[in-house]
């Protein structure tokens, strides 16, 4: 491996050592770095929002408390998994429509 290539680091996930595997630790690292950084406040537009607990965020400038997503105020962190989940209901909905059409034909 060349030293010039940039590799994504594990960050604080190094604390798990040799356990859990590389991919799992990389996903965890992305989520954790996203949730611990400052975010943009939807009220005052200042980058001063920190996470208090899961889904609860507070702006340190205007003291606004509001709800958002669990690990980020608005953004999805791992879009691949969410995309797969979004495709499933469409298939179910299409199957339901086919069943309704067959009932109407009878």
C-alpha atoms as a PDB file:
ATOM      1  CA  UNK A   1       0.000   0.000   0.000  1.00  0.00           C
ATOM      2  CA  UNK A   2       1.329   3.399  -0.940  1.00  0.00           C
ATOM      3  CA  UNK A   3       1.890   5.964   1.751  1.00  0.00           C
ATOM      4  CA  UNK A   4       0.283   8.599  -0.506  1.00  0.00           C
ATOM      5  CA  UNK A   5      -3.124   6.909  -0.422  1.00  0.00           C
ATOM      6  CA  UNK A   6      -5.521   8.329   2.096  1.00  0.00           C
ATOM      7  CA  UNK A   7      -7.183   5.766   4.376  1.00  0.00           C
ATOM      8  CA  UNK A   8     -10.198   6.421   6.468  1.00  0.00           C
ATOM      9  CA  UNK A   9      -9.288   6.122  10.124  1.00  0.00           C
ATOM     10  CA  UNK A  10     -11.203   4.407  12.861  1.00  0.00           C
ATOM     11  CA  UNK A  11     -11.028   7.370  15.207  1.00  0.00           C
ATOM     12  CA  UNK A  12     -12.408   6.536  18.621  1.00  0.00           C
ATOM     13  CA  UNK A  13     -13.445   3.049  17.478  1.00  0.00           C
ATOM     14  CA  UNK A  14      -9.850   1.967  18.089  1.00  0.00           C
ATOM     15  CA  UNK A  15     -10.915   1.372  21.679  1.00  0.00           C
ATOM     16  CA  UNK A  16     -12.547  -1.898  20.544  1.00  0.00           C
ATOM     17  CA  UNK A  17      -9.199  -3.355  19.499  1.00  0.00           C
ATOM     18  CA  UNK A  18      -9.394  -6.541  17.428  1.00  0.00           C
ATOM     19  CA  UNK A  19     -13.085  -7.109  18.176  1.00  0.00           C
ATOM     20  CA  UNK A  20     -16.139  -6.583  15.885  1.00  0.00           C
ATOM     21  CA  UNK A  21     -14.403  -6.314  12.491  1.00  0.00           C
ATOM     22  CA  UNK A  22     -13.199  -3.435  10.364  1.00  0.00           C
ATOM     23  CA  UNK A  23     -16.420  -2.560   8.499  1.00  0.00           C
ATOM     24  CA  UNK A  24     -18.487  -2.442  11.664  1.00  0.00           C
ATOM     25  CA  UNK A  25     -15.946  -0.222  13.370  1.00  0.00           C
ATOM     26  CA  UNK A  26     -15.791   2.109  10.333  1.00  0.00           C
ATOM     27  CA  UNK A  27     -19.597   2.527  10.339  1.00  0.00           C
ATOM     28  CA  UNK A  28     -19.560   3.131  14.083  1.00  0.00           C
ATOM     29  CA  UNK A  29     -16.786   5.686  13.687  1.00  0.00           C
ATOM     30  CA  UNK A  30     -18.764   7.611  11.027  1.00  0.00           C
ATOM     31  CA  UNK A  31     -21.877   7.702  13.193  1.00  0.00           C
ATOM     32  CA  UNK A  32     -20.007   8.709  16.321  1.00  0.00           C
ATOM     33  CA  UNK A  33     -18.013  11.512  14.689  1.00  0.00           C
ATOM     34  CA  UNK A  34     -21.212  12.857  13.104  1.00  0.00           C
ATOM     35  CA  UNK A  35     -23.127  12.919  16.374  1.00  0.00           C
ATOM     36  CA  UNK A  36     -20.320  14.539  18.377  1.00  0.00           C
ATOM     37  CA  UNK A  37     -19.606  17.442  16.034  1.00  0.00           C
ATOM     38  CA  UNK A  38     -21.350  20.822  16.066  1.00  0.00           C
ATOM     39  CA  UNK A  39     -24.359  21.177  13.760  1.00  0.00           C
ATOM     40  CA  UNK A  40     -26.195  24.146  12.246  1.00  0.00           C
ATOM     41  CA  UNK A  41     -29.105  25.547  14.259  1.00  0.00           C
ATOM     42  CA  UNK A  42     -32.363  25.740  12.282  1.00  0.00           C
ATOM     43  CA  UNK A  43     -33.418  28.830  14.274  1.00  0.00           C
ATOM     44  CA  UNK A  44     -30.353  31.096  14.397  1.00  0.00           C
ATOM     45  CA  UNK A  45     -28.255  29.435  11.614  1.00  0.00           C
ATOM     46  CA  UNK A  46     -25.173  29.341  13.843  1.00  0.00           C
ATOM     47  CA  UNK A  47     -23.079  26.170  13.983  1.00  0.00           C
ATOM     48  CA  UNK A  48     -23.549  25.647  17.712  1.00  0.00           C
ATOM     49  CA  UNK A  49     -25.920  22.702  18.102  1.00  0.00           C
ATOM     50  CA  UNK A  50     -24.861  19.750  20.247  1.00  0.00           C
ATOM     51  CA  UNK A  51     -26.636  16.475  20.989  1.00  0.00           C
ATOM     52  CA  UNK A  52     -28.091  16.128  24.481  1.00  0.00           C
ATOM     53  CA  UNK A  53     -29.521  12.636  24.136  1.00  0.00           C
ATOM     54  CA  UNK A  54     -30.915  10.462  21.361  1.00  0.00           C
ATOM     55  CA  UNK A  55     -32.902  12.758  19.070  1.00  0.00           C
ATOM     56  CA  UNK A  56     -32.710  15.812  21.365  1.00  0.00           C
ATOM     57  CA  UNK A  57     -30.516  18.715  20.280  1.00  0.00           C
ATOM     58  CA  UNK A  58     -29.702  22.085  21.872  1.00  0.00           C
ATOM     59  CA  UNK A  59     -28.265  25.244  20.364  1.00  0.00           C
ATOM     60  CA  UNK A  60     -25.615  26.745  22.603  1.00  0.00           C
ATOM     61  CA  UNK A  61     -26.134  30.234  21.187  1.00  0.00           C
ATOM     62  CA  UNK A  62     -29.921  30.741  21.248  1.00  0.00           C
ATOM     63  CA  UNK A  63     -30.703  27.985  23.822  1.00  0.00           C
ATOM     64  CA  UNK A  64     -33.287  26.397  21.519  1.00  0.00           C
ATOM     65  CA  UNK A  65     -34.050  22.758  22.334  1.00  0.00           C
ATOM     66  CA  UNK A  66     -35.564  20.703  19.550  1.00  0.00           C
ATOM     67  CA  UNK A  67     -35.840  17.184  18.209  1.00  0.00           C
ATOM     68  CA  UNK A  68     -34.077  15.780  15.201  1.00  0.00           C
ATOM     69  CA  UNK A  69     -32.658  12.500  14.045  1.00  0.00           C
ATOM     70  CA  UNK A  70     -30.846  10.256  16.489  1.00  0.00           C
ATOM     71  CA  UNK A  71     -27.259  10.883  15.389  1.00  0.00           C
ATOM     72  CA  UNK A  72     -27.576  14.028  13.255  1.00  0.00           C
ATOM     73  CA  UNK A  73     -29.952  16.975  13.141  1.00  0.00           C
ATOM     74  CA  UNK A  74     -31.089  16.393   9.550  1.00  0.00           C
ATOM     75  CA  UNK A  75     -28.618  14.329   7.541  1.00  0.00           C
ATOM     76  CA  UNK A  76     -28.556  10.575   6.994  1.00  0.00           C
ATOM     77  CA  UNK A  77     -25.167   9.114   7.720  1.00  0.00           C
ATOM     78  CA  UNK A  78     -25.175   5.707   6.038  1.00  0.00           C
ATOM     79  CA  UNK A  79     -27.469   6.145   3.007  1.00  0.00           C
ATOM     80  CA  UNK A  80     -26.965   2.662   1.507  1.00  0.00           C
ATOM     81  CA  UNK A  81     -28.846   0.852   4.277  1.00  0.00           C
ATOM     82  CA  UNK A  82     -31.642   3.410   4.313  1.00  0.00           C
ATOM     83  CA  UNK A  83     -32.056   3.099   0.537  1.00  0.00           C
ATOM     84  CA  UNK A  84     -32.520  -0.656   0.868  1.00  0.00           C
ATOM     85  CA  UNK A  85     -35.127  -0.144   3.587  1.00  0.00           C
ATOM     86  CA  UNK A  86     -36.989   2.393   1.443  1.00  0.00           C
ATOM     87  CA  UNK A  87     -37.326  -0.087  -1.432  1.00  0.00           C
ATOM     88  CA  UNK A  88     -39.108  -2.730   0.636  1.00  0.00           C
ATOM     89  CA  UNK A  89     -42.422  -0.900   1.262  1.00  0.00           C
ATOM     90  CA  UNK A  90     -42.804  -0.142  -2.463  1.00  0.00           C
ATOM     91  CA  UNK A  91     -42.690  -3.860  -3.275  1.00  0.00           C
ATOM     92  CA  UNK A  92     -45.280  -4.573  -0.594  1.00  0.00           C
ATOM     93  CA  UNK A  93     -47.460  -1.742  -1.884  1.00  0.00           C
ATOM     94  CA  UNK A  94     -47.300  -3.114  -5.451  1.00  0.00           C
ATOM     95  CA  UNK A  95     -48.277  -6.580  -4.205  1.00  0.00           C
ATOM     96  CA  UNK A  96     -51.236  -5.080  -2.334  1.00  0.00           C
ATOM     97  CA  UNK A  97     -52.393  -3.287  -5.505  1.00  0.00           C
ATOM     98  CA  UNK A  98     -52.196  -6.529  -7.502  1.00  0.00           C
ATOM     99  CA  UNK A  99     -54.243  -8.336  -4.843  1.00  0.00           C
ATOM    100  CA  UNK A 100     -56.868  -5.561  -4.860  1.00  0.00           C
ATOM    101  CA  UNK A 101     -57.111  -5.711  -8.656  1.00  0.00           C
ATOM    102  CA  UNK A 102     -57.596  -9.471  -8.578  1.00  0.00           C
ATOM    103  CA  UNK A 103     -60.376  -9.095  -5.958  1.00  0.00           C
ATOM    104  CA  UNK A 104     -62.125  -6.459  -8.094  1.00  0.00           C
ATOM    105  CA  UNK A 105     -61.942  -8.703 -11.168  1.00  0.00           C
ATOM    106  CA  UNK A 106     -63.737 -11.520  -9.324  1.00  0.00           C
END
